[in-house]
Amino acid sequence: MKKLTLSTLILASLVAGTAVASQYDKPGFVTEIEDGRLWVFRANSQELKDFKASGEPAKQFSDIGSGPEGMTVKAADEQTLKDYLQTLKK
């Protein structure tokens, strides 16, 4: 019974994390929340596919505290990070 409850809680937290992250999506961008940080990817990019398959990229760019609700925003490339942050100012 404990294993079932734990599994249910883990699954629920994963689903909730995905739902929360999508509220920060902007046109052309997909977001994921990991460890309280907002990861930003271009929609349908190879970086997004790699992130879902393998986790955080070795090379990453971040802007501390500049995201929604004061979150740190991270991206696999600097231009994606800058472009996403620009959408927040509009």
N, C-alpha and C. Protein backbone atom coordinates (compact mmCIF):
# COMPACT_ATOMS: atom_id res chain seq x y z
N MET A 1 0.82 -1.19 0.00
CA MET A 1 0.00 0.00 0.00
C MET A 1 0.86 1.26 0.00
N LYS A 2 1.94 1.26 0.80
CA LYS A 2 2.81 2.44 0.85
C LYS A 2 3.45 2.70 -0.50
N LYS A 3 3.84 1.63 -1.20
CA LYS A 3 4.47 1.80 -2.51
C LYS A 3 3.50 2.41 -3.50
N LEU A 4 2.25 1.99 -3.45
CA LEU A 4 1.24 2.54 -4.34
C LEU A 4 1.03 4.02 -4.05
N THR A 5 0.94 4.39 -2.80
CA THR A 5 0.74 5.78 -2.41
C THR A 5 1.92 6.64 -2.86
N LEU A 6 3.14 6.16 -2.64
CA LEU A 6 4.33 6.89 -3.04
C LEU A 6 4.37 7.06 -4.55
N SER A 7 4.06 6.01 -5.27
CA SER A 7 4.04 6.08 -6.73
C SER A 7 3.01 7.09 -7.22
N THR A 8 1.87 7.09 -6.58
CA THR A 8 0.81 8.03 -6.95
C THR A 8 1.25 9.47 -6.70
N LEU A 9 1.90 9.72 -5.57
CA LEU A 9 2.38 11.07 -5.25
C LEU A 9 3.44 11.53 -6.25
N ILE A 10 4.35 10.64 -6.59
CA ILE A 10 5.40 10.99 -7.55
C ILE A 10 4.79 11.32 -8.90
N LEU A 11 3.88 10.48 -9.37
CA LEU A 11 3.23 10.72 -10.65
C LEU A 11 2.45 12.03 -10.63
N ALA A 12 1.73 12.29 -9.56
CA ALA A 12 0.96 13.53 -9.45
C ALA A 12 1.87 14.75 -9.48
N SER A 13 3.02 14.67 -8.83
CA SER A 13 3.94 15.82 -8.83
C SER A 13 4.52 16.05 -10.21
N LEU A 14 4.77 14.99 -10.95
CA LEU A 14 5.29 15.15 -12.31
C LEU A 14 4.25 15.80 -13.21
N VAL A 15 3.02 15.36 -13.11
CA VAL A 15 1.94 15.94 -13.91
C VAL A 15 1.72 17.39 -13.52
N ALA A 16 1.72 17.69 -12.24
CA ALA A 16 1.51 19.06 -11.77
C ALA A 16 2.64 19.96 -12.24
N GLY A 17 3.88 19.48 -12.20
CA GLY A 17 5.02 20.27 -12.66
C GLY A 17 4.91 20.62 -14.12
N THR A 18 4.44 19.69 -14.92
CA THR A 18 4.27 19.94 -16.34
C THR A 18 3.17 20.96 -16.58
N ALA A 19 2.08 20.84 -15.85
CA ALA A 19 0.97 21.77 -16.01
C ALA A 19 1.39 23.18 -15.63
N VAL A 20 2.16 23.31 -14.56
CA VAL A 20 2.61 24.61 -14.09
C VAL A 20 3.57 25.24 -15.10
N ALA A 21 4.47 24.44 -15.63
CA ALA A 21 5.46 24.96 -16.57
C ALA A 21 4.78 25.53 -17.81
N SER A 22 3.74 24.87 -18.29
CA SER A 22 3.11 25.32 -19.53
C SER A 22 2.47 26.70 -19.40
N GLN A 23 2.19 27.14 -18.18
CA GLN A 23 1.60 28.47 -18.03
C GLN A 23 2.60 29.56 -18.40
N TYR A 24 3.88 29.22 -18.48
CA TYR A 24 4.91 30.19 -18.84
C TYR A 24 5.32 30.10 -20.31
N ASP A 25 4.72 29.18 -21.04
CA ASP A 25 4.99 29.09 -22.47
C ASP A 25 4.58 30.39 -23.15
N LYS A 26 5.33 30.77 -24.14
CA LYS A 26 5.03 31.94 -24.97
C LYS A 26 5.04 31.46 -26.42
N PRO A 27 4.42 32.21 -27.33
CA PRO A 27 4.43 31.77 -28.72
C PRO A 27 5.86 31.50 -29.22
N GLY A 28 6.07 30.28 -29.70
CA GLY A 28 7.37 29.89 -30.21
C GLY A 28 8.30 29.30 -29.16
N PHE A 29 7.88 29.31 -27.88
CA PHE A 29 8.72 28.81 -26.79
C PHE A 29 7.96 27.79 -25.95
N VAL A 30 8.70 26.81 -25.48
CA VAL A 30 8.17 25.79 -24.57
C VAL A 30 8.99 25.86 -23.30
N THR A 31 8.33 25.77 -22.15
CA THR A 31 9.04 25.86 -20.87
C THR A 31 8.88 24.57 -20.08
N GLU A 32 9.87 24.30 -19.25
CA GLU A 32 9.87 23.17 -18.33
C GLU A 32 10.42 23.67 -17.00
N ILE A 33 9.86 23.20 -15.90
CA ILE A 33 10.39 23.57 -14.59
C ILE A 33 11.16 22.39 -14.03
N GLU A 34 12.39 22.67 -13.64
CA GLU A 34 13.22 21.64 -13.01
C GLU A 34 14.00 22.29 -11.87
N ASP A 35 13.87 21.72 -10.69
CA ASP A 35 14.55 22.23 -9.50
C ASP A 35 14.25 23.71 -9.25
N GLY A 36 13.01 24.12 -9.52
CA GLY A 36 12.61 25.50 -9.27
C GLY A 36 13.11 26.50 -10.29
N ARG A 37 13.71 26.01 -11.36
CA ARG A 37 14.21 26.89 -12.42
C ARG A 37 13.39 26.67 -13.68
N LEU A 38 13.20 27.74 -14.42
CA LEU A 38 12.41 27.67 -15.64
C LEU A 38 13.33 27.48 -16.84
N TRP A 39 13.23 26.33 -17.45
CA TRP A 39 13.98 26.04 -18.67
C TRP A 39 13.16 26.49 -19.86
N VAL A 40 13.81 27.14 -20.82
CA VAL A 40 13.14 27.67 -22.00
C VAL A 40 13.77 27.06 -23.25
N PHE A 41 12.91 26.63 -24.15
CA PHE A 41 13.35 26.04 -25.42
C PHE A 41 12.51 26.59 -26.55
N ARG A 42 13.06 26.64 -27.72
CA ARG A 42 12.27 26.96 -28.90
C ARG A 42 11.37 25.76 -29.17
N ALA A 43 10.14 26.04 -29.56
CA ALA A 43 9.19 24.96 -29.83
C ALA A 43 9.76 24.02 -30.90
N ASN A 44 9.62 22.74 -30.67
CA ASN A 44 10.06 21.70 -31.60
C ASN A 44 11.55 21.68 -31.88
N SER A 45 12.36 22.26 -31.00
CA SER A 45 13.81 22.30 -31.22
C SER A 45 14.48 20.99 -30.81
N GLN A 46 15.65 20.77 -31.34
CA GLN A 46 16.43 19.60 -30.97
C GLN A 46 16.83 19.68 -29.50
N GLU A 47 17.09 20.88 -29.01
CA GLU A 47 17.46 21.06 -27.59
C GLU A 47 16.33 20.59 -26.66
N LEU A 48 15.08 20.87 -27.04
CA LEU A 48 13.94 20.43 -26.25
C LEU A 48 13.86 18.90 -26.26
N LYS A 49 14.02 18.31 -27.42
CA LYS A 49 13.99 16.85 -27.53
C LYS A 49 15.10 16.22 -26.69
N ASP A 50 16.29 16.80 -26.75
CA ASP A 50 17.42 16.29 -25.97
C ASP A 50 17.17 16.43 -24.47
N PHE A 51 16.58 17.55 -24.06
CA PHE A 51 16.28 17.79 -22.65
C PHE A 51 15.30 16.74 -22.13
N LYS A 52 14.26 16.46 -22.90
CA LYS A 52 13.28 15.46 -22.48
C LYS A 52 13.88 14.07 -22.43
N ALA A 53 14.85 13.80 -23.30
CA ALA A 53 15.47 12.47 -23.34
C ALA A 53 16.58 12.31 -22.31
N SER A 54 17.38 13.36 -22.10
CA SER A 54 18.60 13.22 -21.30
C SER A 54 18.72 14.15 -20.10
N GLY A 55 17.85 15.14 -19.99
CA GLY A 55 17.96 16.10 -18.90
C GLY A 55 18.74 17.34 -19.31
N GLU A 56 19.26 18.04 -18.32
CA GLU A 56 19.93 19.32 -18.55
C GLU A 56 21.11 19.19 -19.51
N PRO A 57 21.25 20.15 -20.43
CA PRO A 57 22.41 20.13 -21.33
C PRO A 57 23.69 20.53 -20.59
N ALA A 58 24.81 20.07 -21.09
CA ALA A 58 26.10 20.41 -20.48
C ALA A 58 26.37 21.91 -20.59
N LYS A 59 26.05 22.49 -21.74
CA LYS A 59 26.24 23.92 -21.96
C LYS A 59 24.90 24.60 -21.73
N GLN A 60 24.87 25.60 -20.86
CA GLN A 60 23.62 26.28 -20.56
C GLN A 60 23.87 27.74 -20.20
N PHE A 61 22.83 28.53 -20.40
CA PHE A 61 22.87 29.95 -20.09
C PHE A 61 21.75 30.23 -19.10
N SER A 62 22.00 31.13 -18.16
CA SER A 62 20.96 31.42 -17.17
C SER A 62 20.92 32.90 -16.84
N ASP A 63 19.75 33.32 -16.40
CA ASP A 63 19.53 34.68 -15.95
C ASP A 63 18.81 34.56 -14.61
N ILE A 64 19.52 34.83 -13.54
CA ILE A 64 19.02 34.58 -12.19
C ILE A 64 17.95 35.60 -11.81
N GLY A 65 16.79 35.06 -11.40
CA GLY A 65 15.71 35.87 -10.87
C GLY A 65 14.95 36.73 -11.86
N SER A 66 15.18 36.58 -13.14
CA SER A 66 14.54 37.46 -14.12
C SER A 66 13.27 36.89 -14.72
N GLY A 67 12.93 35.66 -14.35
CA GLY A 67 11.75 35.01 -14.92
C GLY A 67 10.49 35.31 -14.15
N PRO A 68 9.40 34.69 -14.57
CA PRO A 68 8.13 34.86 -13.87
C PRO A 68 8.27 34.45 -12.41
N GLU A 69 7.65 35.19 -11.54
CA GLU A 69 7.67 34.92 -10.10
C GLU A 69 9.09 34.85 -9.54
N GLY A 70 10.00 35.59 -10.18
CA GLY A 70 11.38 35.66 -9.71
C GLY A 70 12.23 34.42 -9.96
N MET A 71 11.74 33.54 -10.83
CA MET A 71 12.49 32.32 -11.12
C MET A 71 13.73 32.61 -11.95
N THR A 72 14.73 31.75 -11.79
CA THR A 72 15.88 31.75 -12.67
C THR A 72 15.46 31.12 -13.98
N VAL A 73 15.84 31.74 -15.08
CA VAL A 73 15.51 31.22 -16.41
C VAL A 73 16.77 30.65 -17.02
N LYS A 74 16.67 29.44 -17.57
CA LYS A 74 17.81 28.78 -18.18
C LYS A 74 17.46 28.35 -19.59
N ALA A 75 18.48 28.29 -20.44
CA ALA A 75 18.29 27.85 -21.81
C ALA A 75 19.58 27.20 -22.31
N ALA A 76 19.45 26.42 -23.36
CA ALA A 76 20.61 25.73 -23.93
C ALA A 76 21.45 26.67 -24.80
N ASP A 77 20.87 27.80 -25.21
CA ASP A 77 21.65 28.78 -25.97
C ASP A 77 21.25 30.19 -25.56
N GLU A 78 22.20 31.08 -25.69
CA GLU A 78 22.01 32.45 -25.20
C GLU A 78 20.91 33.20 -25.94
N GLN A 79 20.80 33.02 -27.24
CA GLN A 79 19.80 33.76 -28.01
C GLN A 79 18.38 33.37 -27.61
N THR A 80 18.15 32.08 -27.37
CA THR A 80 16.83 31.64 -26.91
C THR A 80 16.49 32.29 -25.58
N LEU A 81 17.44 32.33 -24.69
CA LEU A 81 17.24 32.96 -23.38
C LEU A 81 16.87 34.43 -23.55
N LYS A 82 17.64 35.16 -24.34
CA LYS A 82 17.37 36.59 -24.55
C LYS A 82 16.02 36.82 -25.20
N ASP A 83 15.70 36.01 -26.21
CA ASP A 83 14.43 36.19 -26.92
C ASP A 83 13.24 35.90 -26.01
N TYR A 84 13.34 34.87 -25.18
CA TYR A 84 12.25 34.55 -24.26
C TYR A 84 12.07 35.68 -23.24
N LEU A 85 13.16 36.14 -22.66
CA LEU A 85 13.07 37.22 -21.68
C LEU A 85 12.46 38.48 -22.29
N GLN A 86 12.72 38.71 -23.56
CA GLN A 86 12.14 39.86 -24.26
C GLN A 86 10.61 39.73 -24.32
N THR A 87 10.10 38.50 -24.48
CA THR A 87 8.64 38.32 -24.53
C THR A 87 7.98 38.65 -23.19
N LEU A 88 8.72 38.55 -22.11
CA LEU A 88 8.17 38.86 -20.79
C LEU A 88 8.00 40.36 -20.58
N LYS A 89 8.74 41.15 -21.33
CA LYS A 89 8.69 42.61 -21.18
C LYS A 89 7.55 43.25 -21.96
N LYS A 90 6.93 42.47 -22.83
CA LYS A 90 5.85 43.02 -23.67
C LYS A 90 4.55 43.04 -22.94
